């Protein structure tokens, strides 16, 4: 059966996308190895090691192709071939390529003068995997080189590879998720439309009703809205994002770190295809602290064919500086002698608000604390306050974020302000896991470029 956990959700519908990812990765690895051999002489030992590692991709590819032929017999990759092709002939082709790569790896280790010869053979293999319009890494003219394989073997091999191995890669998304290309002007208007809706009191409208005018509806779990904010974490689905993006900043009378957004200025903007990237300085009225503060937010937004947001990635620039600014302001206000006193003052304010919200909305099966004193003691004595990047970890700052959303759906959000964190205010990922998290549905590189660069893709 498959080399991954076939009991995991949606593994079946991910077969074709994963196949495309693996085949594109295999092709990209050949490009890298040729580049090292041609442009960086003396590093053949690196290529030798990577050639051996590359063979693992072939094992995955042949297993994926076999499963696709069983579960999707009408897919363009499969249709038109005899039923047993991907259980017999195709695996043998992959085995042949695997043995060839291992041979080339050994050649590089045993013969320091073989770099050019191996580069040519990898280039011949690559020529079978790319369209004729793609540039060669090695010029067309050939020097006299001792080849380790007969040209007849390569002709047969490359014919099979180019006909079937990568047959579905170029069209892997066009039939399943057709995308419309927007003009620059259209993307500019969509970007401004989002920020117009973000400002108070327009954001109140987005928290109401069953469907957003900004975010795409959820097709299914695997194609749900995917959104990430660097200082917190990821958020899936239309409803959760409406509560988080709009509901979090919609009450000027409620205790809040930054308050309500009242103006914005897009200072940087570029857009292509259906993707827009912008830097926006948003002015917040921090009513709890009595100041107006500019907050810089970098965003990447992908729009679907209806002009709604299909995914976004947001970064709060200089947020640590912002927290320090707020704490310094509090210190001045209360005549604190050091920053610890100011932090304690803010912690008291936030904890009191969270516990009041818990008392009001988290009742019955949604109750997280036995009483308000227990709640307050946990938040101020057991829990750490949190750093600027920890609004999605086991901190008081994280619970401050989720406290705003409790009123919308207590059954969902009460656990987030509770002792366990409800899966949102938890220390579940370290730095490396956070940076390398595979999460997004679609590439952030327009027009299908960079198929070998998308380490953040879920599939």
Protein backbone atom coordinates (compact mmCIF):
# COMPACT_ATOMS: atom_id res chain seq x y z
CA UNK A 1 0.00 0.00 0.00
CA UNK A 2 1.07 3.64 0.30
CA UNK A 3 4.27 4.79 2.01
CA UNK A 4 2.33 7.30 4.13
CA UNK A 5 -0.39 6.81 6.73
CA UNK A 6 -3.46 5.96 4.64
CA UNK A 7 -5.62 6.30 7.74
CA UNK A 8 -5.01 10.06 7.85
CA UNK A 9 -7.86 12.32 6.66
CA UNK A 10 -8.03 13.16 2.93
CA UNK A 11 -5.01 11.05 2.04
CA UNK A 12 -6.84 9.70 -1.03
CA UNK A 13 -7.62 13.06 -2.63
CA UNK A 14 -4.01 14.13 -2.05
CA UNK A 15 -2.51 11.32 -4.15
CA UNK A 16 -2.27 13.31 -7.39
CA UNK A 17 -1.00 16.58 -5.79
CA UNK A 18 1.66 14.66 -3.85
CA UNK A 19 2.68 12.81 -7.02
CA UNK A 20 3.11 16.15 -8.80
CA UNK A 21 5.14 17.50 -5.87
CA UNK A 22 7.45 14.50 -5.83
CA UNK A 23 8.04 14.50 -9.60
CA UNK A 24 8.70 18.23 -9.65
CA UNK A 25 11.07 17.81 -6.73
CA UNK A 26 12.92 15.04 -8.57
CA UNK A 27 13.32 17.26 -11.62
CA UNK A 28 14.52 20.21 -9.51
CA UNK A 29 17.09 18.01 -7.79
CA UNK A 30 18.57 17.04 -11.18
CA UNK A 31 18.87 20.73 -12.06
CA UNK A 32 20.72 21.40 -8.81
CA UNK A 33 23.13 18.49 -9.29
CA UNK A 34 23.98 19.50 -12.84
CA UNK A 35 24.59 23.08 -11.72
CA UNK A 36 27.04 21.93 -9.04
CA UNK A 37 28.95 19.69 -11.46
CA UNK A 38 29.14 22.33 -14.21
CA UNK A 39 29.66 25.53 -12.22
CA UNK A 40 31.34 24.33 -9.01
CA UNK A 41 34.11 21.86 -9.86
CA UNK A 42 35.55 19.93 -6.95
CA UNK A 43 32.26 19.35 -5.16
CA UNK A 44 31.42 16.04 -6.82
CA UNK A 45 31.22 14.38 -3.38
CA UNK A 46 28.16 16.51 -2.60
CA UNK A 47 26.43 15.43 -5.81
CA UNK A 48 27.39 11.83 -5.13
CA UNK A 49 25.64 11.90 -1.76
CA UNK A 50 22.57 13.71 -3.13
CA UNK A 51 22.21 11.29 -6.04
CA UNK A 52 21.80 8.47 -3.56
CA UNK A 53 19.24 10.48 -1.61
CA UNK A 54 17.36 11.37 -4.81
CA UNK A 55 16.58 7.72 -5.44
CA UNK A 56 14.15 7.78 -2.53
CA UNK A 57 11.90 10.08 -4.52
CA UNK A 58 11.64 7.46 -7.25
CA UNK A 59 10.41 4.89 -4.75
CA UNK A 60 7.68 7.28 -3.65
CA UNK A 61 6.81 8.17 -7.24
CA UNK A 62 6.28 4.60 -8.35
CA UNK A 63 4.13 3.81 -5.28
CA UNK A 64 2.04 6.93 -5.82
CA UNK A 65 1.55 6.13 -9.50
CA UNK A 66 0.44 2.61 -8.60
CA UNK A 67 -2.14 3.91 -6.13
CA UNK A 68 -3.38 6.58 -8.54
CA UNK A 69 -3.94 3.90 -11.20
CA UNK A 70 -6.12 1.98 -8.72
CA UNK A 71 -8.15 4.83 -7.24
CA UNK A 72 -8.25 7.21 -10.24
CA UNK A 73 -8.24 5.00 -13.36
CA UNK A 74 -9.69 7.82 -15.51
CA UNK A 75 -7.02 10.37 -14.60
CA UNK A 76 -5.06 11.68 -17.65
CA UNK A 77 -1.91 10.09 -16.24
CA UNK A 78 -3.55 6.66 -16.27
CA UNK A 79 -6.08 6.69 -19.11
CA UNK A 80 -5.03 5.01 -22.33
CA UNK A 81 -2.57 2.58 -20.77
CA UNK A 82 -3.13 -1.06 -20.06
CA UNK A 83 -4.41 -1.74 -16.53
CA UNK A 84 -1.21 -3.39 -15.27
CA UNK A 85 1.16 -0.76 -16.68
CA UNK A 86 1.69 1.10 -13.41
CA UNK A 87 2.04 -2.13 -11.43
CA UNK A 88 4.63 -3.71 -13.71
CA UNK A 89 6.36 -1.66 -16.45
CA UNK A 90 6.42 1.70 -14.68
CA UNK A 91 8.05 0.36 -11.47
CA UNK A 92 10.75 -1.28 -13.59
CA UNK A 93 11.42 2.05 -15.31
CA UNK A 94 11.81 3.72 -11.91
CA UNK A 95 14.08 0.91 -10.73
CA UNK A 96 16.23 1.38 -13.83
CA UNK A 97 16.60 5.12 -13.16
CA UNK A 98 17.37 4.40 -9.51
CA UNK A 99 20.15 1.98 -10.39
CA UNK A 100 21.53 4.47 -12.92
CA UNK A 101 21.68 7.24 -10.31
CA UNK A 102 23.45 4.93 -7.87
CA UNK A 103 25.95 4.03 -10.59
CA UNK A 104 26.62 7.69 -11.31
CA UNK A 105 27.05 8.33 -7.59
CA UNK A 106 29.72 5.64 -7.37
CA UNK A 107 31.41 6.93 -10.51
CA UNK A 108 31.75 10.39 -9.00
CA UNK A 109 33.32 9.00 -5.83
CA UNK A 110 35.75 6.71 -7.63
CA UNK A 111 36.74 8.97 -10.54
CA UNK A 112 37.42 12.65 -9.73
CA UNK A 113 37.63 13.37 -13.48
CA UNK A 114 34.08 12.15 -14.17
CA UNK A 115 32.24 15.39 -13.37
CA UNK A 116 31.68 16.36 -17.01
CA UNK A 117 30.61 12.87 -18.04
CA UNK A 118 28.10 12.55 -15.20
CA UNK A 119 26.79 16.07 -15.85
CA UNK A 120 26.07 15.14 -19.46
CA UNK A 121 24.22 12.02 -18.46
CA UNK A 122 22.12 13.92 -15.93
CA UNK A 123 21.45 16.57 -18.59
CA UNK A 124 20.26 13.85 -20.97
CA UNK A 125 17.94 12.60 -18.27
CA UNK A 126 16.70 16.12 -17.55
CA UNK A 127 15.99 16.69 -21.26
CA UNK A 128 13.41 13.95 -21.01
CA UNK A 129 11.68 15.67 -18.12
CA UNK A 130 11.31 19.27 -19.39
CA UNK A 131 9.66 20.91 -22.35
CA UNK A 132 11.87 21.81 -25.36
CA UNK A 133 11.52 25.52 -24.50
CA UNK A 134 13.29 25.13 -21.16
CA UNK A 135 16.98 26.15 -21.30
CA UNK A 136 19.70 23.55 -20.99
CA UNK A 137 22.24 23.87 -18.20
CA UNK A 138 24.93 22.50 -20.52
CA UNK A 139 25.36 23.99 -24.03
CA UNK A 140 24.26 21.88 -27.02
CA UNK A 141 27.75 21.39 -28.45
CA UNK A 142 29.47 18.30 -27.09
CA UNK A 143 33.07 17.64 -26.31
CA UNK A 144 34.48 14.14 -26.61
CA UNK A 145 33.19 12.50 -23.45
CA UNK A 146 33.29 8.87 -22.39
CA UNK A 147 29.66 7.93 -21.70
CA UNK A 148 28.82 5.20 -19.20
CA UNK A 149 25.52 4.27 -20.84
CA UNK A 150 24.64 3.38 -24.41
CA UNK A 151 22.60 6.03 -26.23
CA UNK A 152 19.99 3.42 -27.14
CA UNK A 153 19.27 2.79 -23.46
CA UNK A 154 18.77 6.50 -22.85
CA UNK A 155 16.50 6.91 -25.89
CA UNK A 156 14.17 4.21 -24.63
CA UNK A 157 14.32 5.48 -21.05
CA UNK A 158 13.69 9.13 -21.89
CA UNK A 159 10.87 8.24 -24.24
CA UNK A 160 9.08 6.42 -21.44
CA UNK A 161 9.80 9.12 -18.87
CA UNK A 162 8.67 12.05 -21.01
CA UNK A 163 5.53 10.20 -22.07
CA UNK A 164 4.30 9.04 -18.70
CA UNK A 165 6.35 9.97 -15.65
CA UNK A 166 5.62 13.69 -15.84
CA UNK A 167 2.52 13.56 -18.02
CA UNK A 168 0.21 15.04 -15.42
CA UNK A 169 2.48 17.58 -13.78
CA UNK A 170 1.91 20.52 -16.15
CA UNK A 171 -1.88 20.32 -15.83
CA UNK A 172 -2.16 19.14 -12.26
CA UNK A 173 -4.10 22.18 -11.04
CA UNK A 174 -5.82 23.53 -14.13
CA UNK A 175 -8.70 21.07 -14.07
CA UNK A 176 -9.10 20.75 -10.31
CA UNK A 177 -8.69 24.36 -9.16
CA UNK A 178 -9.03 26.73 -12.14
CA UNK A 179 -7.61 30.16 -11.35
CA UNK A 180 -8.43 33.42 -13.00
CA UNK A 181 -5.75 36.02 -13.55
CA UNK A 182 -6.68 39.46 -12.25
CA UNK A 183 -5.27 42.70 -13.58
CA UNK A 184 -3.08 44.86 -11.36
CA UNK A 185 -5.92 47.35 -11.03
CA UNK A 186 -8.35 44.63 -9.96
CA UNK A 187 -5.94 43.28 -7.34
CA UNK A 188 -5.36 46.80 -6.02
CA UNK A 189 -9.10 47.27 -5.57
CA UNK A 190 -9.44 43.87 -3.87
CA UNK A 191 -6.60 44.76 -1.49
CA UNK A 192 -8.20 48.08 -0.60
CA UNK A 193 -11.56 46.37 -0.22
CA UNK A 194 -10.12 44.13 2.48
CA UNK A 195 -8.64 47.03 4.45
CA UNK A 196 -11.83 49.07 4.10
CA UNK A 197 -13.70 46.18 5.71
CA UNK A 198 -11.04 45.84 8.41
CA UNK A 199 -11.60 49.34 9.81
CA UNK A 200 -14.05 50.01 12.64
CA UNK A 201 -17.07 50.11 12.43
CA UNK A 202 -17.14 48.35 9.01
CA UNK A 203 -15.56 45.27 10.64
CA UNK A 204 -18.70 44.78 12.75
CA UNK A 205 -20.60 43.73 9.63
CA UNK A 206 -18.10 40.94 8.93
CA UNK A 207 -18.72 39.34 12.33
CA UNK A 208 -22.43 38.97 11.59
CA UNK A 209 -24.29 36.52 9.36
CA UNK A 210 -23.33 33.09 8.13
CA UNK A 211 -21.05 34.03 5.27
CA UNK A 212 -18.29 36.56 4.73
CA UNK A 213 -18.14 39.04 1.88
CA UNK A 214 -14.34 38.99 2.22
CA UNK A 215 -13.30 35.38 2.87
CA UNK A 216 -13.95 32.41 0.61
CA UNK A 217 -16.46 29.82 1.73
CA UNK A 218 -15.12 26.45 2.82
CA UNK A 219 -15.41 23.91 0.00
CA UNK A 220 -14.28 21.08 2.25
CA UNK A 221 -11.77 20.65 5.04
CA UNK A 222 -8.85 20.09 2.70
CA UNK A 223 -9.70 23.21 0.68
CA UNK A 224 -10.80 25.43 3.56
CA UNK A 225 -9.57 28.99 4.00
CA UNK A 226 -5.96 28.85 5.23
CA UNK A 227 -4.59 31.83 7.13
CA UNK A 228 -1.52 32.50 9.25
CA UNK A 229 -0.39 35.37 11.46
CA UNK A 230 3.21 35.25 12.61
CA UNK A 231 2.70 36.41 16.20
CA UNK A 232 -0.19 33.99 16.79
CA UNK A 233 -0.65 30.87 14.65
CA UNK A 234 -2.75 29.41 11.82
CA UNK A 235 -6.52 29.74 11.50
CA UNK A 236 -8.71 27.60 9.27
CA UNK A 237 -12.10 28.39 7.79
CA UNK A 238 -14.30 31.37 7.05
CA UNK A 239 -16.07 31.63 10.41
CA UNK A 240 -12.98 31.42 12.59
CA UNK A 241 -11.17 34.02 10.50
CA UNK A 242 -14.09 36.43 10.58
CA UNK A 243 -14.08 36.20 14.37
CA UNK A 244 -10.31 36.54 14.58
CA UNK A 245 -9.58 39.20 11.95
CA UNK A 246 -12.66 41.36 12.41
CA UNK A 247 -14.18 40.48 15.80
CA UNK A 248 -10.88 40.90 17.63
CA UNK A 249 -10.81 44.63 16.83
CA UNK A 250 -14.51 45.54 16.90
CA UNK A 251 -15.25 46.87 20.40
CA UNK A 252 -13.79 50.25 21.48
CA UNK A 253 -15.14 49.83 25.00
CA UNK A 254 -13.49 46.47 25.65
CA UNK A 255 -10.02 45.99 27.12
CA UNK A 256 -7.59 45.33 24.28
CA UNK A 257 -3.88 45.61 23.57
CA UNK A 258 -4.20 47.65 20.38
CA UNK A 259 -7.88 48.64 20.31
CA UNK A 260 -9.76 49.35 17.07
CA UNK A 261 -8.39 50.13 13.57
CA UNK A 262 -9.48 53.58 12.40
CA UNK A 263 -7.27 54.30 9.34
CA UNK A 264 -4.80 52.63 7.01
CA UNK A 265 -2.14 53.55 4.47
CA UNK A 266 -0.78 51.03 1.98
CA UNK A 267 2.89 51.95 1.70
CA UNK A 268 4.09 49.04 -0.48
CA UNK A 269 2.16 46.99 -3.00
CA UNK A 270 2.85 44.51 -5.77
CA UNK A 271 0.53 42.02 -7.42
CA UNK A 272 0.44 39.35 -10.12
CA UNK A 273 -2.00 36.69 -11.24
CA UNK A 274 -4.31 36.24 -8.20
CA UNK A 275 -1.77 37.16 -5.50
CA UNK A 276 -1.19 40.52 -3.85
CA UNK A 277 1.59 41.47 -1.45
CA UNK A 278 1.39 44.68 0.57
CA UNK A 279 2.76 46.58 3.53
CA UNK A 280 0.05 48.51 5.33
CA UNK A 281 0.40 50.93 8.22
CA UNK A 282 -2.82 50.70 10.23
CA UNK A 283 -3.65 53.32 12.84
CA UNK A 284 -5.22 51.77 15.94
CA UNK A 285 -7.03 53.65 18.66
CA UNK A 286 -5.76 51.82 21.74
CA UNK A 287 -8.64 52.95 23.93
CA UNK A 288 -7.45 50.89 26.91
CA UNK A 289 -4.22 52.88 27.00
CA UNK A 290 -5.42 56.20 25.61
CA UNK A 291 -3.05 56.39 22.64
CA UNK A 292 -3.13 56.19 18.85
CA UNK A 293 -0.55 53.71 17.59
CA UNK A 294 0.63 52.93 14.04
CA UNK A 295 0.97 49.19 13.41
CA UNK A 296 2.82 47.90 10.33
CA UNK A 297 1.35 44.72 8.83
CA UNK A 298 2.89 42.83 5.90
CA UNK A 299 0.41 40.66 4.02
CA UNK A 300 0.35 38.11 1.25
CA UNK A 301 -3.18 37.48 -0.01
CA UNK A 302 -4.47 35.00 -2.57
CA UNK A 303 -7.89 35.70 -4.12
CA UNK A 304 -10.19 33.10 -5.66
CA UNK A 305 -12.11 33.58 -8.90
CA UNK A 306 -14.90 35.38 -6.98
CA UNK A 307 -12.45 37.95 -5.64
CA UNK A 308 -12.62 36.53 -2.12
CA UNK A 309 -9.60 35.69 0.01
CA UNK A 310 -8.61 32.02 -0.33
CA UNK A 311 -5.56 32.28 1.93
CA UNK A 312 -3.43 34.93 3.56
CA UNK A 313 -0.12 35.19 5.40
CA UNK A 314 0.33 38.20 7.72
CA UNK A 315 3.33 39.49 9.64
CA UNK A 316 3.21 42.18 12.31
CA UNK A 317 6.41 44.13 11.77
CA UNK A 318 8.15 45.58 14.86
CA UNK A 319 5.56 44.02 17.20
CA UNK A 320 8.12 43.55 19.97
CA UNK A 321 8.87 47.25 19.76
CA UNK A 322 5.11 47.92 19.94
CA UNK A 323 4.72 45.91 23.15
CA UNK A 324 7.66 47.72 24.71
CA UNK A 325 6.07 51.03 23.70
CA UNK A 326 2.78 50.11 25.39
CA UNK A 327 4.49 48.89 28.56
CA UNK A 328 6.60 52.06 28.73
CA UNK A 329 3.43 54.12 28.38
CA UNK A 330 1.81 52.22 31.23
CA UNK A 331 4.91 52.66 33.37
CA UNK A 332 4.72 56.42 32.89
CA UNK A 333 0.99 56.45 33.62
CA UNK A 334 1.28 54.57 36.93
CA UNK A 335 4.65 56.08 37.90
CA UNK A 336 6.28 52.64 37.92
CA UNK A 337 9.92 52.40 38.95
CA UNK A 338 10.66 49.49 36.60
CA UNK A 339 9.12 47.61 33.67
CA UNK A 340 8.11 44.63 35.85
CA UNK A 341 5.61 46.81 37.66
CA UNK A 342 4.14 47.95 34.36
CA UNK A 343 3.88 44.36 33.08
CA UNK A 344 2.17 43.33 36.33
CA UNK A 345 -0.32 46.18 35.87
CA UNK A 346 -1.13 45.06 32.31
CA UNK A 347 -1.34 41.40 33.42
CA UNK A 348 -3.85 42.36 36.13
CA UNK A 349 -5.96 44.27 33.59
CA UNK A 350 -5.95 41.43 31.04
CA UNK A 351 -6.51 38.63 33.57
CA UNK A 352 -9.43 40.45 35.18
CA UNK A 353 -11.06 40.92 31.77
CA UNK A 354 -10.51 37.29 30.75
CA UNK A 355 -11.98 35.98 34.00
CA UNK A 356 -15.00 38.29 33.69
CA UNK A 357 -15.61 36.99 30.18
CA UNK A 358 -15.26 33.41 31.41
CA UNK A 359 -17.75 34.04 34.19
CA UNK A 360 -20.26 35.50 31.75
CA UNK A 361 -19.99 33.17 28.74
CA UNK A 362 -18.26 29.94 29.79
CA UNK A 363 -20.96 28.12 31.71
CA UNK A 364 -22.08 24.51 31.93
CA UNK A 365 -19.95 22.21 29.79
CA UNK A 366 -17.91 25.21 28.58
CA UNK A 367 -16.67 26.11 32.07
CA UNK A 368 -12.87 26.10 32.39
CA UNK A 369 -12.23 27.37 35.94
CA UNK A 370 -14.05 26.50 39.17
CA UNK A 371 -14.38 30.18 40.09
CA UNK A 372 -13.01 33.65 39.31
CA UNK A 373 -10.21 33.61 41.95
CA UNK A 374 -8.93 30.32 40.54
CA UNK A 375 -9.01 31.82 37.06
CA UNK A 376 -7.15 34.95 38.13
CA UNK A 377 -4.49 33.06 40.09
CA UNK A 378 -3.77 30.76 37.16
CA UNK A 379 -3.46 33.63 34.68
CA UNK A 380 -1.25 35.83 36.87
CA UNK A 381 0.76 33.34 38.92
CA UNK A 382 1.01 30.05 37.01
CA UNK A 383 1.00 31.29 33.43
CA UNK A 384 3.77 33.35 31.88
CA UNK A 385 2.87 36.76 30.45
CA UNK A 386 4.34 36.02 27.03
CA UNK A 387 6.75 37.54 24.56
CA UNK A 388 5.93 39.36 21.32
CA UNK A 389 5.97 36.15 19.27
CA UNK A 390 3.95 34.13 21.79
CA UNK A 391 0.38 35.23 21.13
CA UNK A 392 -0.25 31.70 19.90
CA UNK A 393 1.45 29.86 22.75
CA UNK A 394 0.73 28.98 26.39
CA UNK A 395 0.70 32.58 27.60
CA UNK A 396 -1.56 35.25 29.06
CA UNK A 397 -1.17 37.27 25.87
CA UNK A 398 -2.59 34.39 23.82
CA UNK A 399 -5.63 34.11 26.07
CA UNK A 400 -6.12 37.87 25.74
CA UNK A 401 -6.41 37.38 21.98
CA UNK A 402 -8.95 34.56 22.24
CA UNK A 403 -10.96 36.22 24.99
CA UNK A 404 -12.40 38.61 22.40
CA UNK A 405 -13.87 35.72 20.41
CA UNK A 406 -15.52 33.86 23.30
CA UNK A 407 -18.73 35.88 22.92
CA UNK A 408 -19.23 34.63 19.35
CA UNK A 409 -18.96 30.91 19.99
CA UNK A 410 -18.40 29.95 23.66
CA UNK A 411 -18.43 26.25 22.81
CA UNK A 412 -15.40 26.78 20.56
CA UNK A 413 -13.42 29.54 22.27
CA UNK A 414 -13.88 28.97 26.02
CA UNK A 415 -11.30 26.20 25.98
CA UNK A 416 -8.80 28.60 24.40
CA UNK A 417 -8.80 30.83 27.50
CA UNK A 418 -8.81 27.84 29.86
CA UNK A 419 -5.82 26.21 31.56
CA UNK A 420 -5.28 23.75 28.69
CA UNK A 421 -5.30 26.36 25.94
CA UNK A 422 -7.72 24.39 23.75
CA UNK A 423 -5.14 23.61 21.08
CA UNK A 424 -4.53 27.30 20.34
CA UNK A 425 -2.72 28.64 23.41
CA UNK A 426 -0.27 25.77 23.71
CA UNK A 427 3.47 25.17 23.38
CA UNK A 428 3.11 22.56 20.66
CA UNK A 429 5.79 23.64 18.16
CA UNK A 430 9.38 24.76 18.49
CA UNK A 431 11.06 27.38 16.31
CA UNK A 432 12.06 25.02 13.50
CA UNK A 433 8.63 23.39 13.35
CA UNK A 434 6.99 26.79 13.16
CA UNK A 435 9.22 28.01 10.33
CA UNK A 436 8.92 24.80 8.30
CA UNK A 437 5.22 24.11 8.93
CA UNK A 438 3.52 22.78 5.79
CA UNK A 439 0.20 24.57 5.84
CA UNK A 440 -1.00 26.44 2.75
CA UNK A 441 -3.13 24.95 -0.02
CA UNK A 442 -1.62 26.96 -2.87
CA UNK A 443 1.75 28.34 -3.89
CA UNK A 444 2.60 31.96 -3.16
CA UNK A 445 4.57 32.20 -6.41
CA UNK A 446 2.37 33.35 -9.34
CA UNK A 447 1.97 31.73 -12.75
CA UNK A 448 3.13 28.29 -11.64
CA UNK A 449 6.74 29.30 -11.05
CA UNK A 450 8.88 27.77 -8.31
CA UNK A 451 7.28 24.35 -8.16
CA UNK A 452 10.42 23.15 -6.39
CA UNK A 453 10.40 26.00 -3.86
CA UNK A 454 7.14 25.56 -1.97
CA UNK A 455 8.13 24.05 1.36
CA UNK A 456 5.10 25.65 3.02
CA UNK A 457 2.57 23.75 0.92
CA UNK A 458 0.44 21.27 2.86
CA UNK A 459 0.56 18.82 -0.07
